C-alpha atoms as a PDB file:
ATOM      1  CA  VAL A   1     -34.295  50.838 -27.886  1.00  0.00           C
ATOM      2  CA  VAL A   2     -33.913  51.426 -31.550  1.00  0.00           C
ATOM      3  CA  LEU A   3     -34.727  48.390 -33.631  1.00  0.00           C
ATOM      4  CA  ASP A   4     -31.424  48.283 -35.505  1.00  0.00           C
ATOM      5  CA  ARG A   5     -29.546  48.327 -32.118  1.00  0.00           C
ATOM      6  CA  LEU A   6     -31.510  45.318 -30.794  1.00  0.00           C
ATOM      7  CA  PRO A   7     -28.890  42.709 -31.885  1.00  0.00           C
ATOM      8  CA  TRP A   8     -26.204  44.768 -30.166  1.00  0.00           C
ATOM      9  CA  LEU A   9     -28.260  44.876 -26.958  1.00  0.00           C
ATOM     10  CA  ASN A  10     -28.886  41.138 -27.210  1.00  0.00           C
ATOM     11  CA  MET A  11     -25.149  40.498 -27.525  1.00  0.00           C
ATOM     12  CA  VAL A  12     -24.306  42.719 -24.534  1.00  0.00           C
ATOM     13  CA  VAL A  13     -26.927  40.999 -22.360  1.00  0.00           C
ATOM     14  CA  GLY A  14     -25.657  37.547 -23.446  1.00  0.00           C
ATOM     15  CA  ALA A  15     -22.059  38.511 -22.632  1.00  0.00           C
ATOM     16  CA  ALA A  16     -23.115  39.728 -19.178  1.00  0.00           C
ATOM     17  CA  ARG A  17     -24.954  36.457 -18.529  1.00  0.00           C
ATOM     18  CA  GLU A  18     -21.895  34.472 -19.632  1.00  0.00           C
ATOM     19  CA  ARG A  19     -19.634  36.472 -17.282  1.00  0.00           C
ATOM     20  CA  GLU A  20     -22.062  35.673 -14.440  1.00  0.00           C
ATOM     21  CA  ARG A  21     -21.956  31.956 -15.281  1.00  0.00           C
ATOM     22  CA  ASP A  22     -18.163  32.053 -15.488  1.00  0.00           C
ATOM     23  CA  THR A  23     -17.959  33.717 -12.072  1.00  0.00           C
ATOM     24  CA  ARG A  24     -20.323  31.124 -10.569  1.00  0.00           C
ATOM     25  CA  ARG A  25     -18.370  28.225 -12.162  1.00  0.00           C
ATOM     26  CA  ARG A  26     -15.051  29.664 -10.925  1.00  0.00           C
ATOM     27  CA  ASN A  27     -16.416  29.978  -7.382  1.00  0.00           C
ATOM     28  CA  GLU A  28     -17.735  26.414  -7.465  1.00  0.00           C
ATOM     29  CA  ARG A  29     -14.405  25.144  -8.818  1.00  0.00           C
ATOM     30  CA  GLU A  30     -12.456  26.997  -6.109  1.00  0.00           C
ATOM     31  CA  VAL A  31     -14.680  25.557  -3.377  1.00  0.00           C
ATOM     32  CA  LYS A  32     -14.246  22.072  -4.854  1.00  0.00           C
ATOM     33  CA  GLU A  33     -10.460  22.509  -5.059  1.00  0.00           C
ATOM     34  CA  CYS A  34     -10.305  23.637  -1.422  1.00  0.00           C
ATOM     35  CA  LYS A  35     -12.321  20.627  -0.270  1.00  0.00           C
ATOM     36  CA  LEU A  36     -10.211  18.280  -2.399  1.00  0.00           C
ATOM     37  CA  LYS A  37      -7.028  19.791  -1.030  1.00  0.00           C
ATOM     38  CA  VAL A  38      -8.123  19.034   2.533  1.00  0.00           C
ATOM     39  CA  LEU A  39      -9.275  15.519   1.644  1.00  0.00           C
ATOM     40  CA  LYS A  40      -6.061  14.813  -0.256  1.00  0.00           C
ATOM     41  CA  ALA A  41      -3.984  15.993   2.704  1.00  0.00           C
ATOM     42  CA  ASP A  42      -5.870  13.555   4.950  1.00  0.00           C
ATOM     43  CA  LEU A  43      -5.310  10.746   2.456  1.00  0.00           C
ATOM     44  CA  GLN A  44      -1.635  11.592   2.182  1.00  0.00           C
ATOM     45  CA  LYS A  45      -1.340  11.437   5.957  1.00  0.00           C
ATOM     46  CA  LYS A  46      -2.937   7.968   5.938  1.00  0.00           C
ATOM     47  CA  VAL A  47      -0.563   6.863   3.184  1.00  0.00           C
ATOM     48  CA  ARG A  48       2.439   8.054   5.224  1.00  0.00           C
ATOM     49  CA  GLU A  49       1.226   6.015   8.202  1.00  0.00           C
ATOM     50  CA  ALA A  50       0.761   3.013   5.933  1.00  0.00           C
ATOM     51  CA  ILE A  51       4.303   3.477   4.621  1.00  0.00           C
ATOM     52  CA  LYS A  52       5.633   3.395   8.181  1.00  0.00           C
ATOM     53  CA  THR A  53       3.785   0.141   8.836  1.00  0.00           C
ATOM     54  CA  VAL A  54       5.038  -1.343   5.572  1.00  0.00           C
ATOM     55  CA  ASP A  55       8.590  -0.295   6.487  1.00  0.00           C
ATOM     56  CA  ARG A  56       8.319  -2.128   9.809  1.00  0.00           C
ATOM     57  CA  ALA A  57       6.970  -5.225   8.062  1.00  0.00           C
ATOM     58  CA  ASP A  58       9.701  -4.967   5.436  1.00  0.00           C
ATOM     59  CA  LYS A  59      12.329  -4.819   8.168  1.00  0.00           C
ATOM     60  CA  GLU A  60      10.931  -7.985   9.775  1.00  0.00           C
ATOM     61  CA  VAL A  61      10.845  -9.770   6.428  1.00  0.00           C
ATOM     62  CA  GLY A  62      14.458  -8.735   5.876  1.00  0.00           C
ATOM     63  CA  GLN A  63      15.433 -10.228   9.234  1.00  0.00           C
ATOM     64  CA  VAL A  64      13.671 -13.457   8.298  1.00  0.00           C
ATOM     65  CA  GLU A  65      15.513 -13.532   4.981  1.00  0.00           C
ATOM     66  CA  LYS A  66      18.852 -13.063   6.763  1.00  0.00           C
ATOM     67  CA  GLN A  67      17.947 -15.924   9.086  1.00  0.00           C
ATOM     68  CA  VAL A  68      16.851 -18.219   6.262  1.00  0.00           C
ATOM     69  CA  GLN A  69      19.591 -17.424   3.735  1.00  0.00           C
ATOM     70  CA  PRO A  70      22.438 -19.509   5.208  1.00  0.00           C
ATOM     71  CA  LEU A  71      20.249 -22.501   6.124  1.00  0.00           C
ATOM     72  CA  THR A  72      21.234 -24.540   3.065  1.00  0.00           C
ATOM     73  CA  THR A  73      24.943 -24.226   3.827  1.00  0.00           C
ATOM     74  CA  LYS A  74      24.398 -24.866   7.544  1.00  0.00           C
ATOM     75  CA  SER A  75      22.500 -28.075   6.829  1.00  0.00           C
ATOM     76  CA  LYS A  76      25.714 -29.730   5.666  1.00  0.00           C
ATOM     77  CA  VAL A  77      27.612 -29.258   8.930  1.00  0.00           C
ATOM     78  CA  MET A  78      24.966 -29.220  11.693  1.00  0.00           C
ATOM     79  CA  GLN A  79      23.566 -32.024  13.803  1.00  0.00           C
ATOM     80  CA  ALA A  80      19.862 -32.861  13.545  1.00  0.00           C
ATOM     81  CA  SER A  81      18.970 -31.532  17.002  1.00  0.00           C
ATOM     82  CA  GLU A  82      20.716 -28.218  16.274  1.00  0.00           C
ATOM     83  CA  MET A  83      18.964 -28.023  12.923  1.00  0.00           C
ATOM     84  CA  LEU A  84      15.553 -28.549  14.506  1.00  0.00           C
ATOM     85  CA  ALA A  85      16.209 -25.893  17.144  1.00  0.00           C
ATOM     86  CA  LEU A  86      17.313 -23.436  14.459  1.00  0.00           C
ATOM     87  CA  VAL A  87      14.323 -24.166  12.258  1.00  0.00           C
ATOM     88  CA  ASP A  88      11.949 -23.688  15.223  1.00  0.00           C
ATOM     89  CA  GLU A  89      13.496 -20.275  15.876  1.00  0.00           C
ATOM     90  CA  THR A  90      13.216 -19.443  12.185  1.00  0.00           C
ATOM     91  CA  ASP A  91       9.577 -20.516  12.070  1.00  0.00           C
ATOM     92  CA  SER A  92       8.729 -18.264  15.014  1.00  0.00           C
ATOM     93  CA  MET A  93      10.368 -15.366  13.181  1.00  0.00           C
ATOM     94  CA  ILE A  94       8.359 -16.237  10.057  1.00  0.00           C
ATOM     95  CA  VAL A  95       5.118 -16.225  12.050  1.00  0.00           C
ATOM     96  CA  ALA A  96       5.939 -12.792  13.491  1.00  0.00           C
ATOM     97  CA  ALA A  97       6.832 -11.454  10.050  1.00  0.00           C
ATOM     98  CA  ARG A  98       3.632 -12.892   8.566  1.00  0.00           C
ATOM     99  CA  SER A  99       1.548 -11.107  11.188  1.00  0.00           C
ATOM    100  CA  ALA A 100       3.383  -7.851  10.450  1.00  0.00           C
ATOM    101  CA  VAL A 101       2.767  -8.307   6.717  1.00  0.00           C
ATOM    102  CA  ALA A 102      -0.896  -9.107   7.349  1.00  0.00           C
ATOM    103  CA  ASN A 103      -1.199  -5.980   9.497  1.00  0.00           C
ATOM    104  CA  ALA A 104       0.379  -3.910   6.730  1.00  0.00           C
ATOM    105  CA  HIS A 105      -1.975  -5.463   4.157  1.00  0.00           C
ATOM    106  CA  GLY A 106      -4.933  -4.527   6.347  1.00  0.00           C
ATOM    107  CA  ILE A 107      -3.798  -0.938   6.722  1.00  0.00           C
ATOM    108  CA  VAL A 108      -3.114  -0.562   2.994  1.00  0.00           C
ATOM    109  CA  SER A 109      -6.489  -2.046   2.072  1.00  0.00           C
ATOM    110  CA  ASN A 110      -8.249   0.272   4.549  1.00  0.00           C
ATOM    111  CA  LEU A 111      -6.844   3.379   2.872  1.00  0.00           C
ATOM    112  CA  SER A 112      -9.766   3.548   0.464  1.00  0.00           C
ATOM    113  CA  LYS A 113     -12.440   3.111   3.129  1.00  0.00           C
ATOM    114  CA  GLY A 114     -14.693   6.102   3.440  1.00  0.00           C
ATOM    115  CA  LEU A 115     -14.097   7.307  -0.096  1.00  0.00           C
ATOM    116  CA  GLU A 116     -17.446   5.939  -1.221  1.00  0.00           C
ATOM    117  CA  ASP A 117     -19.260   8.523   0.888  1.00  0.00           C
ATOM    118  CA  SER A 118     -17.377  11.435  -0.626  1.00  0.00           C
ATOM    119  CA  GLU A 119     -18.832  13.426  -3.502  1.00  0.00           C
ATOM    120  CA  TYR A 120     -15.327  13.532  -4.993  1.00  0.00           C
ATOM    121  CA  GLU A 121     -14.812   9.776  -4.982  1.00  0.00           C
ATOM    122  CA  SER A 122     -13.323   9.458  -8.466  1.00  0.00           C
ATOM    123  CA  GLU A 123     -10.764  12.236  -7.928  1.00  0.00           C
ATOM    124  CA  LEU A 124      -9.753  10.842  -4.538  1.00  0.00           C
ATOM    125  CA  ARG A 125      -9.438   7.294  -5.872  1.00  0.00           C
ATOM    126  CA  ALA A 126      -7.178   8.499  -8.674  1.00  0.00           C
ATOM    127  CA  PHE A 127      -5.061  10.424  -6.163  1.00  0.00           C
ATOM    128  CA  LEU A 128      -4.893   7.438  -3.813  1.00  0.00           C
ATOM    129  CA  SER A 129      -3.897   5.041  -6.569  1.00  0.00           C
ATOM    130  CA  SER A 130      -1.010   7.298  -7.583  1.00  0.00           C
ATOM    131  CA  GLU A 131       0.124   7.836  -3.978  1.00  0.00           C
ATOM    132  CA  ALA A 132      -0.164   4.223  -2.840  1.00  0.00           C
ATOM    133  CA  LYS A 133       1.244   2.569  -5.956  1.00  0.00           C
ATOM    134  CA  LEU A 134       4.751   2.121  -4.536  1.00  0.00           C
ATOM    135  CA  VAL A 135       3.362   0.838  -1.245  1.00  0.00           C
ATOM    136  CA  GLU A 136       1.284  -1.775  -3.043  1.00  0.00           C
ATOM    137  CA  MET A 137       4.263  -2.821  -5.145  1.00  0.00           C
ATOM    138  CA  ARG A 138       6.370  -3.294  -2.026  1.00  0.00           C
ATOM    139  CA  MET A 139       3.586  -5.325  -0.434  1.00  0.00           C
ATOM    140  CA  GLY A 140       3.446  -7.577  -3.490  1.00  0.00           C
ATOM    141  CA  ARG A 141       7.173  -8.226  -3.327  1.00  0.00           C
ATOM    142  CA  MET A 142       6.917  -8.928   0.390  1.00  0.00           C
ATOM    143  CA  ASP A 143       4.485 -11.779  -0.244  1.00  0.00           C
ATOM    144  CA  GLY A 144       6.968 -13.433  -2.578  1.00  0.00           C
ATOM    145  CA  ARG A 145       9.804 -12.944  -0.134  1.00  0.00           C
ATOM    146  CA  MET A 146       7.753 -14.496   2.676  1.00  0.00           C
ATOM    147  CA  SER A 147       6.824 -17.531   0.600  1.00  0.00           C
ATOM    148  CA  ARG A 148      10.484 -18.029  -0.347  1.00  0.00           C
ATOM    149  CA  ALA A 149      11.519 -17.865   3.302  1.00  0.00           C
ATOM    150  CA  THR A 150       8.795 -20.342   4.248  1.00  0.00           C
ATOM    151  CA  ASN A 151       9.889 -22.746   1.503  1.00  0.00           C
ATOM    152  CA  LEU A 152      13.529 -22.594   2.586  1.00  0.00           C
ATOM    153  CA  SER A 153      12.524 -23.210   6.192  1.00  0.00           C
ATOM    154  CA  CYS A 154      10.379 -26.194   5.209  1.00  0.00           C
ATOM    155  CA  ARG A 155      13.233 -27.693   3.172  1.00  0.00           C
ATOM    156  CA  PHE A 156      15.607 -27.215   6.090  1.00  0.00           C
ATOM    157  CA  ARG A 157      13.132 -28.938   8.422  1.00  0.00           C
ATOM    158  CA  GLU A 158      12.847 -31.861   6.008  1.00  0.00           C
ATOM    159  CA  GLN A 159      16.635 -32.133   5.850  1.00  0.00           C
ATOM    160  CA  ALA A 160      16.759 -32.110   9.654  1.00  0.00           C
ATOM    161  CA  HIS A 161      14.234 -34.961   9.841  1.00  0.00           C
ATOM    162  CA  ARG A 162      16.188 -36.949   7.244  1.00  0.00           C
ATOM    163  CA  ARG A 163      19.411 -36.319   9.123  1.00  0.00           C
ATOM    164  CA  ARG A 164      17.801 -37.459  12.399  1.00  0.00           C
ATOM    165  CA  GLY A 165      16.715 -40.652  10.676  1.00  0.00           C
ATOM    166  CA  THR A 166      20.220 -41.327   9.400  1.00  0.00           C
ATOM    167  CA  GLU A 167      21.793 -40.506  12.805  1.00  0.00           C
ATOM    168  CA  LEU A 168      19.570 -43.048  14.517  1.00  0.00           C
END
């Protein structure tokens, strides 16, 4: 090689090395994207199952709310024994709804299990947080709805006990 062509040769060799590195990086990125695609599909499937569970819990909470809503107006016209029977029925519905909500909470909290073992933990966590955000928001609202229903039921029970005392 002629001495004045040495920089040219050096540049050609460097460009070839860089093309090799680019090819290797592209292959690694494609393999990573394929693995992430599979893992994300599995996570999305889990999120869909969690959404179904949350929907069932939401339906039960809605039924409890429908049961509890007219209690304040009913307390003015009902007898104490009827009130106590109604509040017992309402409390059993609240217990069933609470168990459904607890089940949904458990399933939603278990979505991130197993991500710690993955080499793509940060990417999967970011994906999961974006996918499960609405589910978590619904779960948060459900807690408030359940506490409201419980409070209304407790007030109705207290009114029933007061009414029984005045009837006697």
